Amino acid sequence: MSSMRSRQITSRRAALVAVSLLATGALVVGCDSGTETSSGATSSAATPAEESAQKSGQPDNPNEDVATALPDNAVENAVGKLDGLVDSMMNDTKIPGMAVAVVHGGKTVYAKGFGVAEVGTDRKVDTDTVFPLASMSKSIGSTVLAKLVTDNVIAWDTPVTANLPQFALADPWVTQHVTIADMYTHRSGLPGHAGDKLEDMGYSREQVLARLRYMPLEPYRITYNYTNFGITAAAESAARKAGTDWETLSQNVIYGPLGMTSTSSRFGDFETRTDRVVGHVKVDGAWVKTPAQRDPDAQAPAGGVSSSVNDVTHWLTMVLAGGKYNGTQIVGTDELTEATTPQIISSPASSPDARAGFYGYGFNTSVTAAGRTTFSHAGAFSMGAGTNFLVMPSADVAIVVLTNASPVGAADALCGEFADLVQFSEVRHDWRTLYGNAYAAMAKPSGSLVGEQPPANPAPAQPLSAYEGTYQNQLYGAATVSDDDGKLVLAMGPNGVTKHELTHWDGNTFTFTMRNENAEEGTISKVTFTGPRMTIEYYADDESDGVFTKS
């Protein structure tokens, strides 16, 4: 691995870990109100664990004790400050639109929309406005699987290949043993974000999953590498067992029973909503509409849900009630608990006195500074979505924040501020700066030539015909270089659907720029020709060496 490639990967991982540490509560978290306070004030509802203890007559579980009691009227007071928090957040970040909701005591106690769904219009965001949820989809999808586990359709430890026999990874033994749980905890050994660049190139869900077998694996079950397509593989396997596709399954077992009428795992449904947002990205300091709305259908189980805060409150109500909604047990309490409790360390503690972050089955999970367990998940589309939810069962409270702008930490920070207010009656940390810095680190362009000026006297290139031809890479497939009216064009992906115009840099080195979900504005990639080999810098990472060989 080259030093540049190593630095790029290390930087990306460090940024992801920083966001994970914050999101899981290793540095933040907390939301609270649901137990008796020191002054004798009581909450409006008992947690499932408390109900069980009351019914059984057994003493309280010491493992459920918390270090800090809640202030009086903790949730109510925190909710009363939300309008001001949102107003200042909108003013600080200038993001176009946001929707926020809070669930407490089995009901929605706050739900409001702010700003506009699309810049340049007067379409206001309301509580029914539909947003892409991005990676919040993992948690919602996990409850789809928990329902199947409840109904004995699958088990968490069902091998992926049991119902998706064509699926394979680089190691035959891992292929046969990797389970749905392994994929939903990101411990399969696949590289971080495995397959995301294939999706950007235009490969379908089936095609991306088929190509995961060409990626190197890290140690199985002891390595945490966050992936979208590992989760997608597990979801596909479960849906096959259920006898339907993932999108229909999600509708049938979760969205329909919970009355989530504006929720779907199909991008086409999102596009047809009349009350929906448009994604926005920042250009020269101003938010503008994204050139193309992000279509996440290829990874729908991991990032393809769209919904409104009103609909998400139905789901949060069910989760807080241990899987029950309107008197009906939708998901088994035990099966839901497995999903929302730690299954792997996702963010190791940085020091002996620090807290680690954990991951369940599609949920971040952790313990707060007040000694309270939380679970949560953020969602982030570089092309225009930032979302977050946080649940604190011992407080019987949950908050969801949806925005229509590329992630700058607004949704995450608002959850952190609300959590502080509930637990401590004050915002104790500068979440806006902490999250803003973490996301800024991930928003930097990649490429060794970023910020560099072209050589003043470059060595000449060979005749363009010397570079023309079809080059092959086992993972990324065919890449065709052709002369288009005196300019080299690189075509990649299925049927060459993704095209890049190559600009001469020096000798046999060319460059191209790109902007997509995984390539930030300003990204530049070298393309170097050496005999029959073409090395594309952007694709030299954990998944591949980026070398394409002329066929």
Protein backbone atom coordinates (compact mmCIF):
# COMPACT_ATOMS: atom_id res chain seq x y z
CA MET A 1 0.00 0.00 0.00
CA SER A 2 1.38 3.40 -0.96
CA SER A 3 1.93 5.98 1.76
CA MET A 4 -0.64 8.30 0.13
CA ARG A 5 -3.22 5.55 -0.13
CA SER A 6 -2.52 4.59 3.50
CA ARG A 7 -2.92 8.19 4.67
CA GLN A 8 -6.22 8.58 2.81
CA ILE A 9 -7.64 5.39 4.32
CA THR A 10 -6.37 6.24 7.80
CA SER A 11 -7.84 9.75 7.59
CA ARG A 12 -11.21 8.42 6.46
CA ARG A 13 -11.29 5.82 9.23
CA ALA A 14 -10.28 8.36 11.86
CA ALA A 15 -13.11 10.66 10.79
CA LEU A 16 -15.62 7.81 10.86
CA VAL A 17 -14.45 6.75 14.31
CA ALA A 18 -14.80 10.34 15.54
CA VAL A 19 -18.42 10.53 14.39
CA SER A 20 -19.08 7.06 15.78
CA LEU A 21 -17.62 8.00 19.16
CA LEU A 22 -19.91 10.99 19.34
CA ALA A 23 -22.98 9.24 17.98
CA THR A 24 -22.68 6.21 20.23
CA GLY A 25 -22.16 8.25 23.33
CA ALA A 26 -18.57 7.40 24.05
CA LEU A 27 -18.08 11.16 24.16
CA VAL A 28 -21.73 12.32 24.32
CA VAL A 29 -25.27 11.12 24.74
CA GLY A 30 -28.09 11.08 27.10
CA CYS A 31 -31.77 11.55 27.32
CA ASP A 32 -33.59 10.78 30.42
CA SER A 33 -36.87 10.76 32.24
CA GLY A 34 -38.80 7.76 33.24
CA THR A 35 -37.76 6.89 36.76
CA GLU A 36 -38.43 8.50 40.12
CA THR A 37 -36.37 11.62 40.71
CA SER A 38 -34.66 12.56 43.96
CA SER A 39 -37.51 14.94 44.75
CA GLY A 40 -40.14 12.26 44.27
CA ALA A 41 -41.43 13.34 40.84
CA THR A 42 -42.43 10.35 38.75
CA SER A 43 -42.48 9.65 35.05
CA SER A 44 -45.56 8.95 33.00
CA ALA A 45 -44.69 5.39 31.98
CA ALA A 46 -42.69 2.42 33.20
CA THR A 47 -40.12 0.78 30.97
CA PRO A 48 -40.63 -2.86 29.87
CA ALA A 49 -37.97 -3.93 32.38
CA GLU A 50 -39.72 -2.06 35.20
CA GLU A 51 -43.09 -3.56 34.23
CA SER A 52 -41.55 -7.03 34.34
CA ALA A 53 -40.05 -6.39 37.79
CA GLN A 54 -43.37 -5.07 39.10
CA LYS A 55 -45.27 -8.10 37.82
CA SER A 56 -42.77 -10.61 39.14
CA GLY A 57 -42.39 -8.99 42.53
CA GLN A 58 -38.61 -9.23 42.19
CA PRO A 59 -36.33 -6.41 43.35
CA ASP A 60 -34.96 -3.90 40.84
CA ASN A 61 -32.06 -5.10 38.72
CA PRO A 62 -28.87 -3.34 39.97
CA ASN A 63 -27.60 -3.49 36.40
CA GLU A 64 -30.34 -1.02 35.45
CA ASP A 65 -29.38 1.55 38.08
CA VAL A 66 -28.23 4.97 36.87
CA ALA A 67 -25.60 7.23 38.35
CA THR A 68 -27.55 10.48 38.12
CA ALA A 69 -31.24 11.02 38.80
CA LEU A 70 -33.26 13.15 36.46
CA PRO A 71 -34.12 16.75 37.18
CA ASP A 72 -37.76 17.50 37.93
CA ASN A 73 -39.94 17.52 34.79
CA ALA A 74 -36.83 16.66 32.80
CA VAL A 75 -38.36 15.86 29.42
CA GLU A 76 -41.03 18.53 29.60
CA ASN A 77 -38.47 21.23 30.35
CA ALA A 78 -36.13 20.03 27.62
CA VAL A 79 -38.96 19.98 25.08
CA GLY A 80 -39.80 23.54 26.07
CA LYS A 81 -36.35 24.63 24.93
CA LEU A 82 -36.38 22.83 21.58
CA ASP A 83 -37.78 25.73 19.55
CA GLY A 84 -34.89 27.92 20.63
CA LEU A 85 -32.31 25.19 19.98
CA VAL A 86 -33.65 24.60 16.48
CA ASP A 87 -33.83 28.31 15.66
CA SER A 88 -30.22 28.84 16.69
CA MET A 89 -29.12 25.69 14.83
CA MET A 90 -30.83 26.85 11.65
CA ASN A 91 -29.21 30.26 12.06
CA ASP A 92 -25.76 28.78 12.70
CA THR A 93 -25.79 26.29 9.83
CA LYS A 94 -28.21 27.97 7.40
CA ILE A 95 -29.47 24.53 6.40
CA PRO A 96 -32.67 24.90 4.34
CA GLY A 97 -35.04 22.61 6.23
CA MET A 98 -35.44 20.49 9.35
CA ALA A 99 -38.11 18.45 11.11
CA VAL A 100 -37.96 17.37 14.76
CA ALA A 101 -40.10 15.13 16.95
CA VAL A 102 -39.97 13.76 20.49
CA VAL A 103 -41.77 10.70 21.90
CA HIS A 104 -42.35 10.32 25.64
CA GLY A 105 -44.82 8.40 27.76
CA GLY A 106 -46.19 6.50 24.79
CA LYS A 107 -47.12 9.57 22.78
CA THR A 108 -45.63 12.30 20.61
CA VAL A 109 -45.01 15.34 22.80
CA TYR A 110 -43.29 17.51 20.19
CA ALA A 111 -43.35 17.57 16.38
CA LYS A 112 -42.53 20.55 14.19
CA GLY A 113 -41.12 21.46 10.81
CA PHE A 114 -38.74 24.34 10.12
CA GLY A 115 -37.48 26.08 7.00
CA VAL A 116 -38.16 25.03 3.43
CA ALA A 117 -38.19 21.75 1.56
CA GLU A 118 -36.39 23.31 -1.41
CA VAL A 119 -34.36 26.51 -1.65
CA GLY A 120 -35.85 29.09 -3.95
CA THR A 121 -39.41 28.00 -3.15
CA ASP A 122 -41.92 28.70 -0.39
CA ARG A 123 -42.59 24.99 0.26
CA LYS A 124 -42.45 24.83 4.04
CA VAL A 125 -41.23 21.76 5.91
CA ASP A 126 -43.96 20.30 8.11
CA THR A 127 -44.25 17.14 10.19
CA ASP A 128 -45.50 15.14 7.19
CA THR A 129 -42.71 16.24 4.85
CA VAL A 130 -40.81 13.18 3.65
CA PHE A 131 -37.01 13.04 3.98
CA PRO A 132 -34.44 10.41 2.98
CA LEU A 133 -33.40 8.75 6.24
CA ALA A 134 -30.02 7.50 4.93
CA SER A 135 -28.39 5.16 7.49
CA MET A 136 -31.22 5.48 10.00
CA SER A 137 -32.58 2.83 7.63
CA LYS A 138 -30.28 0.27 9.27
CA SER A 139 -32.09 0.54 12.60
CA ILE A 140 -35.54 0.48 11.05
CA GLY A 141 -34.50 -2.49 8.90
CA SER A 142 -33.20 -4.24 11.99
CA THR A 143 -36.70 -4.19 13.43
CA VAL A 144 -37.95 -5.77 10.21
CA LEU A 145 -35.54 -8.64 10.87
CA ALA A 146 -36.45 -8.72 14.56
CA LYS A 147 -40.04 -9.32 13.48
CA LEU A 148 -38.92 -12.28 11.35
CA VAL A 149 -36.94 -13.64 14.29
CA THR A 150 -40.00 -13.19 16.51
CA ASP A 151 -42.05 -15.22 14.04
CA ASN A 152 -39.35 -17.92 13.72
CA VAL A 153 -38.88 -17.22 10.02
CA ILE A 154 -35.14 -16.68 10.57
CA ALA A 155 -32.72 -16.48 13.50
CA TRP A 156 -30.09 -13.83 14.05
CA ASP A 157 -27.49 -16.58 13.57
CA THR A 158 -28.94 -17.86 10.29
CA PRO A 159 -26.11 -18.01 7.70
CA VAL A 160 -26.55 -15.55 4.85
CA THR A 161 -26.00 -18.34 2.30
CA ALA A 162 -28.81 -20.43 3.79
CA ASN A 163 -31.28 -18.36 1.77
CA LEU A 164 -28.91 -16.53 -0.59
CA PRO A 165 -26.82 -19.47 -1.86
CA GLN A 166 -25.07 -17.52 -4.61
CA PHE A 167 -23.53 -15.11 -2.11
CA ALA A 168 -19.80 -15.46 -1.47
CA LEU A 169 -16.90 -13.71 0.21
CA ALA A 170 -13.18 -14.11 -0.48
CA ASP A 171 -12.79 -16.84 2.15
CA PRO A 172 -14.89 -20.01 1.56
CA TRP A 173 -15.10 -20.78 5.28
CA VAL A 174 -16.35 -17.29 6.12
CA THR A 175 -18.78 -17.52 3.21
CA GLN A 176 -20.42 -20.58 4.75
CA HIS A 177 -20.46 -19.27 8.31
CA VAL A 178 -21.17 -15.53 8.07
CA THR A 179 -24.58 -14.86 9.58
CA ILE A 180 -27.27 -12.21 9.46
CA ALA A 181 -26.02 -11.05 12.87
CA ASP A 182 -22.46 -10.78 11.58
CA MET A 183 -23.54 -8.49 8.78
CA TYR A 184 -25.78 -6.34 10.97
CA THR A 185 -22.91 -5.82 13.44
CA HIS A 186 -20.34 -5.08 10.68
CA ARG A 187 -18.06 -7.91 11.81
CA SER A 188 -17.88 -9.96 8.60
CA GLY A 189 -14.35 -8.78 7.83
CA LEU A 190 -15.36 -6.85 4.71
CA PRO A 191 -13.52 -3.54 4.22
CA GLY A 192 -15.26 -0.44 5.52
CA HIS A 193 -17.94 0.82 3.11
CA ALA A 194 -17.34 -2.20 0.87
CA GLY A 195 -19.21 -1.84 -2.40
CA ASP A 196 -20.13 1.84 -2.09
CA LYS A 197 -17.91 2.87 -5.01
CA LEU A 198 -19.39 0.08 -7.12
CA GLU A 199 -22.82 1.56 -6.43
CA ASP A 200 -21.56 5.00 -7.49
CA MET A 201 -20.37 3.45 -10.76
CA GLY A 202 -23.90 2.31 -11.53
CA TYR A 203 -23.85 -1.34 -10.48
CA SER A 204 -27.14 -2.76 -9.23
CA ARG A 205 -27.73 -4.35 -5.83
CA GLU A 206 -27.35 -7.84 -7.26
CA GLN A 207 -24.17 -6.87 -9.13
CA VAL A 208 -22.56 -5.23 -6.10
CA LEU A 209 -23.32 -8.22 -3.87
CA ALA A 210 -21.83 -10.56 -6.47
CA ARG A 211 -18.58 -8.55 -6.51
CA LEU A 212 -18.03 -8.53 -2.73
CA ARG A 213 -16.26 -11.89 -3.15
CA TYR A 214 -13.34 -10.10 -4.81
CA MET A 215 -12.58 -7.94 -1.76
CA PRO A 216 -9.93 -8.90 0.80
CA LEU A 217 -11.19 -9.74 4.29
CA GLU A 218 -9.93 -8.66 7.67
CA PRO A 219 -10.23 -11.04 10.67
CA TYR A 220 -13.75 -12.42 10.97
CA ARG A 221 -15.90 -11.48 13.95
CA ILE A 222 -13.20 -9.43 15.68
CA THR A 223 -13.02 -6.58 13.16
CA TYR A 224 -15.60 -3.79 13.05
CA ASN A 225 -15.83 -2.28 9.56
CA TYR A 226 -19.01 -0.33 8.82
CA THR A 227 -20.61 -1.48 5.56
CA ASN A 228 -23.83 -0.84 3.69
CA PHE A 229 -23.74 -3.85 1.42
CA GLY A 230 -22.95 -6.36 4.15
CA ILE A 231 -26.24 -5.34 5.76
CA THR A 232 -27.91 -5.42 2.36
CA ALA A 233 -26.73 -9.00 1.79
CA ALA A 234 -28.21 -10.11 5.12
CA ALA A 235 -31.48 -8.32 4.42
CA GLU A 236 -31.74 -9.89 0.97
CA SER A 237 -31.19 -13.33 2.48
CA ALA A 238 -33.92 -12.76 5.09
CA ALA A 239 -36.37 -11.44 2.51
CA ARG A 240 -35.80 -14.51 0.32
CA LYS A 241 -36.70 -16.72 3.28
CA ALA A 242 -39.82 -14.66 3.86
CA GLY A 243 -40.78 -15.21 0.23
CA THR A 244 -40.77 -11.62 -0.96
CA ASP A 245 -38.51 -8.67 -1.73
CA TRP A 246 -37.08 -6.44 0.99
CA GLU A 247 -39.17 -3.42 0.10
CA THR A 248 -42.46 -5.35 0.29
CA LEU A 249 -41.36 -7.16 3.44
CA SER A 250 -40.63 -3.87 5.21
CA GLN A 251 -44.04 -2.53 4.25
CA ASN A 252 -45.83 -5.67 5.36
CA VAL A 253 -44.22 -6.23 8.75
CA ILE A 254 -43.33 -2.73 10.00
CA TYR A 255 -44.60 0.23 7.95
CA GLY A 256 -48.13 -1.10 7.47
CA PRO A 257 -48.76 -2.35 11.03
CA LEU A 258 -47.39 0.90 12.49
CA GLY A 259 -49.47 3.10 10.20
CA MET A 260 -46.40 4.65 8.59
CA THR A 261 -48.28 5.76 5.49
CA SER A 262 -45.55 8.08 4.16
CA THR A 263 -42.71 5.60 4.61
CA SER A 264 -41.12 3.42 1.93
CA SER A 265 -37.90 1.62 1.04
CA ARG A 266 -38.35 2.43 -2.65
CA PHE A 267 -36.79 5.55 -4.13
CA GLY A 268 -39.59 5.70 -6.72
CA ASP A 269 -42.12 6.20 -3.92
CA PHE A 270 -40.06 9.04 -2.48
CA GLU A 271 -39.87 10.73 -5.89
CA THR A 272 -43.65 10.72 -6.29
CA ARG A 273 -44.42 12.30 -2.90
CA THR A 274 -45.82 15.80 -3.28
CA ASP A 275 -44.62 16.82 0.19
CA ARG A 276 -40.95 15.83 0.10
CA VAL A 277 -37.63 17.56 0.42
CA VAL A 278 -34.89 18.12 -2.12
CA GLY A 279 -31.30 17.46 -1.11
CA HIS A 280 -28.88 20.38 -0.80
CA VAL A 281 -25.12 20.73 -0.89
CA LYS A 282 -22.95 23.68 -0.01
CA VAL A 283 -21.26 25.55 -2.88
CA ASP A 284 -19.17 28.64 -2.16
CA GLY A 285 -20.70 28.92 1.29
CA ALA A 286 -24.34 28.72 0.15
CA TRP A 287 -26.79 25.82 0.12
CA VAL A 288 -27.92 24.87 -3.38
CA LYS A 289 -30.02 22.04 -4.73
CA THR A 290 -28.04 18.89 -5.39
CA PRO A 291 -27.54 18.22 -9.13
CA ALA A 292 -29.29 14.87 -8.75
CA GLN A 293 -31.25 13.44 -5.83
CA ARG A 294 -29.46 10.49 -4.27
CA ASP A 295 -31.03 7.18 -5.36
CA PRO A 296 -30.14 4.58 -2.69
CA ASP A 297 -32.18 1.66 -4.05
CA ALA A 298 -29.11 -0.55 -4.48
CA GLN A 299 -28.54 -0.44 -0.71
CA ALA A 300 -32.15 0.09 0.36
CA PRO A 301 -31.94 -2.04 3.54
CA ALA A 302 -28.97 0.02 4.72
CA GLY A 303 -29.85 3.49 3.47
CA GLY A 304 -33.01 3.54 1.36
CA VAL A 305 -35.87 4.38 3.74
CA SER A 306 -37.71 7.68 3.29
CA SER A 307 -40.16 8.93 5.91
CA SER A 308 -41.56 11.87 7.85
CA VAL A 309 -41.05 12.68 11.52
CA ASN A 310 -44.71 11.89 12.13
CA ASP A 311 -44.18 8.39 10.77
CA VAL A 312 -40.89 7.89 12.60
CA THR A 313 -42.64 8.69 15.90
CA HIS A 314 -44.82 5.62 15.36
CA TRP A 315 -41.70 3.48 15.07
CA LEU A 316 -40.04 5.13 18.07
CA THR A 317 -43.19 4.58 20.13
CA MET A 318 -43.05 0.88 19.28
CA VAL A 319 -39.34 0.66 20.13
CA LEU A 320 -39.77 2.42 23.48
CA ALA A 321 -42.67 0.09 24.33
CA GLY A 322 -40.57 -3.03 23.84
CA GLY A 323 -42.05 -3.84 20.43
CA LYS A 324 -45.69 -3.06 21.24
CA TYR A 325 -47.84 -0.54 19.36
CA ASN A 326 -51.47 0.37 20.09
CA GLY A 327 -51.81 -2.71 22.26
CA THR A 328 -50.41 -5.12 19.67
CA GLN A 329 -47.02 -6.81 20.04
CA ILE A 330 -45.42 -6.08 16.67
CA VAL A 331 -41.90 -7.28 17.52
CA GLY A 332 -40.94 -9.54 20.41
CA THR A 333 -39.37 -7.70 23.35
CA ASP A 334 -36.49 -10.17 23.62
CA GLU A 335 -35.78 -10.03 19.89
CA LEU A 336 -35.81 -6.23 19.94
CA THR A 337 -33.53 -6.17 22.98
CA GLU A 338 -30.97 -8.29 21.14
CA ALA A 339 -30.93 -5.76 18.32
CA THR A 340 -30.55 -2.68 20.51
CA THR A 341 -27.90 -3.95 22.95
CA PRO A 342 -24.13 -4.29 22.42
CA GLN A 343 -22.89 -7.05 20.13
CA ILE A 344 -19.45 -5.66 19.20
CA ILE A 345 -17.17 -2.79 20.21
CA SER A 346 -17.40 -0.21 17.44
CA SER A 347 -15.31 2.54 19.07
CA PRO A 348 -12.67 1.31 21.54
CA ALA A 349 -12.09 3.50 24.58
CA SER A 350 -9.27 5.97 24.05
CA SER A 351 -8.10 5.75 27.66
CA PRO A 352 -8.79 3.68 30.80
CA ASP A 353 -11.27 6.23 32.10
CA ALA A 354 -13.11 6.70 28.80
CA ARG A 355 -16.24 4.87 27.66
CA ALA A 356 -16.28 2.65 24.59
CA GLY A 357 -18.95 2.73 21.91
CA PHE A 358 -20.81 -0.39 20.82
CA TYR A 359 -22.97 -1.61 17.96
CA GLY A 360 -25.97 -3.91 18.19
CA TYR A 361 -27.85 -5.21 15.16
CA GLY A 362 -28.15 -1.98 13.19
CA PHE A 363 -28.07 0.27 16.27
CA ASN A 364 -25.31 2.28 17.94
CA THR A 365 -25.51 1.64 21.66
CA SER A 366 -23.70 3.09 24.66
CA VAL A 367 -23.86 4.34 28.24
CA THR A 368 -24.00 8.05 29.01
CA ALA A 369 -22.08 10.13 31.52
CA ALA A 370 -25.16 9.86 33.72
CA GLY A 371 -24.98 6.07 33.56
CA ARG A 372 -27.95 5.64 31.23
CA THR A 373 -28.11 3.28 28.26
CA THR A 374 -28.94 4.81 24.89
CA PHE A 375 -29.23 3.56 21.35
CA SER A 376 -29.21 5.66 18.22
CA HIS A 377 -28.17 5.99 14.60
CA ALA A 378 -27.16 8.83 12.34
CA GLY A 379 -27.80 9.04 8.62
CA ALA A 380 -25.67 10.98 6.16
CA PHE A 381 -25.88 11.45 2.42
CA SER A 382 -23.10 13.65 1.12
CA MET A 383 -25.51 14.62 -1.65
CA GLY A 384 -28.03 16.13 0.72
CA ALA A 385 -29.30 14.43 3.89
CA GLY A 386 -28.36 14.52 7.58
CA THR A 387 -30.50 12.63 10.08
CA ASN A 388 -30.33 11.22 13.59
CA PHE A 389 -32.44 9.60 16.28
CA LEU A 390 -31.63 8.83 19.91
CA VAL A 391 -33.54 6.64 22.36
CA MET A 392 -33.05 6.44 26.12
CA PRO A 393 -35.21 3.62 27.46
CA SER A 394 -34.72 4.40 31.17
CA ALA A 395 -36.04 7.89 30.49
CA ASP A 396 -38.81 6.64 28.20
CA VAL A 397 -37.87 9.31 25.66
CA ALA A 398 -36.70 9.46 22.07
CA ILE A 399 -35.89 12.26 19.64
CA VAL A 400 -35.60 12.26 15.84
CA VAL A 401 -34.12 15.04 13.70
CA LEU A 402 -34.26 15.08 9.89
CA THR A 403 -32.56 17.64 7.62
CA ASN A 404 -32.33 18.18 3.86
CA ALA A 405 -28.68 19.22 3.64
CA SER A 406 -25.40 17.35 3.39
CA PRO A 407 -24.28 16.44 6.90
CA VAL A 408 -22.69 19.18 8.97
CA GLY A 409 -23.59 17.69 12.35
CA ALA A 410 -26.81 19.63 12.86
CA ALA A 411 -29.08 16.62 13.45
CA ASP A 412 -26.53 14.88 15.66
CA ALA A 413 -25.73 17.98 17.72
CA LEU A 414 -29.40 18.78 18.31
CA CYS A 415 -29.91 15.27 19.71
CA GLY A 416 -26.86 15.74 21.94
CA GLU A 417 -28.10 19.10 23.21
CA PHE A 418 -31.56 17.75 23.92
CA ALA A 419 -30.01 14.77 25.73
CA ASP A 420 -27.95 17.09 27.91
CA LEU A 421 -31.00 19.15 28.78
CA VAL A 422 -32.99 16.09 29.79
CA GLN A 423 -30.24 14.68 31.98
CA PHE A 424 -28.66 17.82 33.41
CA SER A 425 -31.04 20.75 32.68
CA GLU A 426 -28.25 22.39 30.69
CA VAL A 427 -26.22 21.84 27.54
CA ARG A 428 -22.89 20.68 28.92
CA HIS A 429 -20.85 20.24 25.76
CA ASP A 430 -20.27 22.08 22.50
CA TRP A 431 -21.84 19.40 20.33
CA ARG A 432 -22.07 21.72 17.35
CA THR A 433 -18.32 22.14 17.15
CA LEU A 434 -17.57 18.50 18.00
CA TYR A 435 -19.91 17.09 15.36
CA GLY A 436 -19.15 19.84 12.88
CA ASN A 437 -15.44 19.06 13.02
CA ALA A 438 -16.05 15.32 12.74
CA TYR A 439 -18.17 15.68 9.61
CA ALA A 440 -15.85 18.29 8.12
CA ALA A 441 -13.03 15.74 8.29
CA MET A 442 -15.09 13.40 6.11
CA ALA A 443 -16.07 16.14 3.65
CA LYS A 444 -12.55 16.77 2.39
CA PRO A 445 -11.70 15.97 -1.25
CA SER A 446 -9.41 13.00 -1.89
CA GLY A 447 -6.45 12.53 -4.19
CA SER A 448 -2.71 13.19 -3.95
CA LEU A 449 -3.01 16.09 -6.41
CA VAL A 450 -5.63 18.05 -4.50
CA GLY A 451 -4.34 21.60 -4.19
CA GLU A 452 -1.43 20.95 -6.57
CA GLN A 453 -0.74 22.97 -9.70
CA PRO A 454 -0.06 21.17 -13.02
CA PRO A 455 3.62 21.04 -14.04
CA ALA A 456 4.79 24.15 -15.88
CA ASN A 457 6.61 22.03 -18.46
CA PRO A 458 5.00 18.58 -18.47
CA ALA A 459 6.53 15.69 -20.34
CA PRO A 460 4.51 15.01 -23.48
CA ALA A 461 1.99 12.21 -23.66
CA GLN A 462 2.15 9.42 -26.19
CA PRO A 463 -0.28 9.45 -29.12
CA LEU A 464 -3.77 8.96 -27.68
CA SER A 465 -4.13 5.71 -29.58
CA ALA A 466 -1.43 4.22 -27.31
CA TYR A 467 -3.79 4.48 -24.35
CA GLU A 468 -6.98 3.34 -26.04
CA GLY A 469 -8.43 -0.06 -25.22
CA THR A 470 -10.36 -2.04 -22.65
CA TYR A 471 -8.74 -2.63 -19.27
CA GLN A 472 -9.96 -5.15 -16.70
CA ASN A 473 -10.03 -5.18 -12.90
CA GLN A 474 -11.49 -8.19 -11.10
CA LEU A 475 -13.51 -6.09 -8.68
CA TYR A 476 -14.49 -3.07 -10.75
CA GLY A 477 -14.84 -4.80 -14.11
CA ALA A 478 -14.10 -3.29 -17.50
CA ALA A 479 -12.77 0.23 -18.00
CA THR A 480 -12.62 1.47 -21.58
CA VAL A 481 -10.37 4.30 -22.71
CA SER A 482 -11.26 5.89 -26.03
CA ASP A 483 -10.37 8.92 -28.13
CA ASP A 484 -13.38 11.20 -28.38
CA ASP A 485 -12.56 13.97 -30.82
CA GLY A 486 -9.05 14.43 -29.49
CA LYS A 487 -9.88 13.85 -25.82
CA LEU A 488 -9.40 10.67 -23.82
CA VAL A 489 -12.56 9.41 -22.16
CA LEU A 490 -12.62 6.75 -19.44
CA ALA A 491 -15.86 4.72 -19.31
CA MET A 492 -16.56 2.45 -16.33
CA GLY A 493 -19.38 0.53 -14.71
CA PRO A 494 -22.06 -1.58 -16.37
CA ASN A 495 -22.10 -0.80 -20.10
CA GLY A 496 -19.66 2.06 -19.50
CA VAL A 497 -22.38 4.18 -17.92
CA THR A 498 -19.94 6.25 -15.81
CA LYS A 499 -17.68 8.46 -17.91
CA HIS A 500 -14.72 10.68 -17.02
CA GLU A 501 -12.85 13.00 -19.38
CA LEU A 502 -9.10 12.62 -18.82
CA THR A 503 -6.86 15.68 -18.65
CA HIS A 504 -3.16 15.33 -19.34
CA TRP A 505 -0.95 16.05 -16.33
CA ASP A 506 2.56 14.84 -17.04
CA GLY A 507 3.96 12.10 -19.27
CA ASN A 508 1.71 9.07 -19.03
CA THR A 509 -0.27 10.49 -16.14
CA PHE A 510 -3.73 11.95 -16.64
CA THR A 511 -6.37 13.14 -14.19
CA PHE A 512 -10.11 13.40 -13.80
CA THR A 513 -12.35 15.13 -11.27
CA MET A 514 -15.53 13.72 -9.82
CA ARG A 515 -18.35 14.51 -7.38
CA ASN A 516 -20.66 11.81 -6.10
CA GLU A 517 -21.81 10.28 -2.83
CA ASN A 518 -18.30 9.08 -1.92
CA ALA A 519 -16.20 11.69 -3.72
CA GLU A 520 -16.41 15.16 -2.23
CA GLU A 521 -16.24 18.36 -4.24
CA GLY A 522 -12.67 18.93 -5.41
CA THR A 523 -11.72 15.24 -5.56
CA ILE A 524 -9.12 14.53 -8.23
CA SER A 525 -7.77 11.15 -9.29
CA LYS A 526 -4.59 10.32 -11.12
CA VAL A 527 -4.73 7.81 -13.97
CA THR A 528 -1.29 6.44 -14.76
CA PHE A 529 -0.50 4.24 -17.75
CA THR A 530 2.43 1.83 -17.44
CA GLY A 531 2.67 -0.57 -20.37
CA PRO A 532 -0.50 -2.70 -20.39
CA ARG A 533 -1.53 -1.47 -16.95
CA MET A 534 -3.68 1.51 -15.98
CA THR A 535 -3.70 2.53 -12.31
CA ILE A 536 -6.62 4.67 -11.15
CA GLU A 537 -5.74 6.34 -7.87
CA TYR A 538 -9.33 6.77 -6.68
CA TYR A 539 -9.90 3.02 -6.78
CA ALA A 540 -6.68 2.13 -4.93
CA ASP A 541 -8.01 1.56 -1.41
CA ASP A 542 -8.91 -1.19 1.05
CA GLU A 543 -10.95 -2.94 -1.62
CA SER A 544 -8.57 -2.96 -4.60
CA ASP A 545 -5.10 -1.92 -5.77
CA GLY A 546 -6.73 0.17 -8.49
CA VAL A 547 -4.82 -1.60 -11.27
CA PHE A 548 -6.64 -2.35 -14.54
CA THR A 549 -4.89 -4.52 -17.14
CA LYS A 550 -5.45 -4.17 -20.88
CA SER A 551 -7.23 -7.20 -22.29
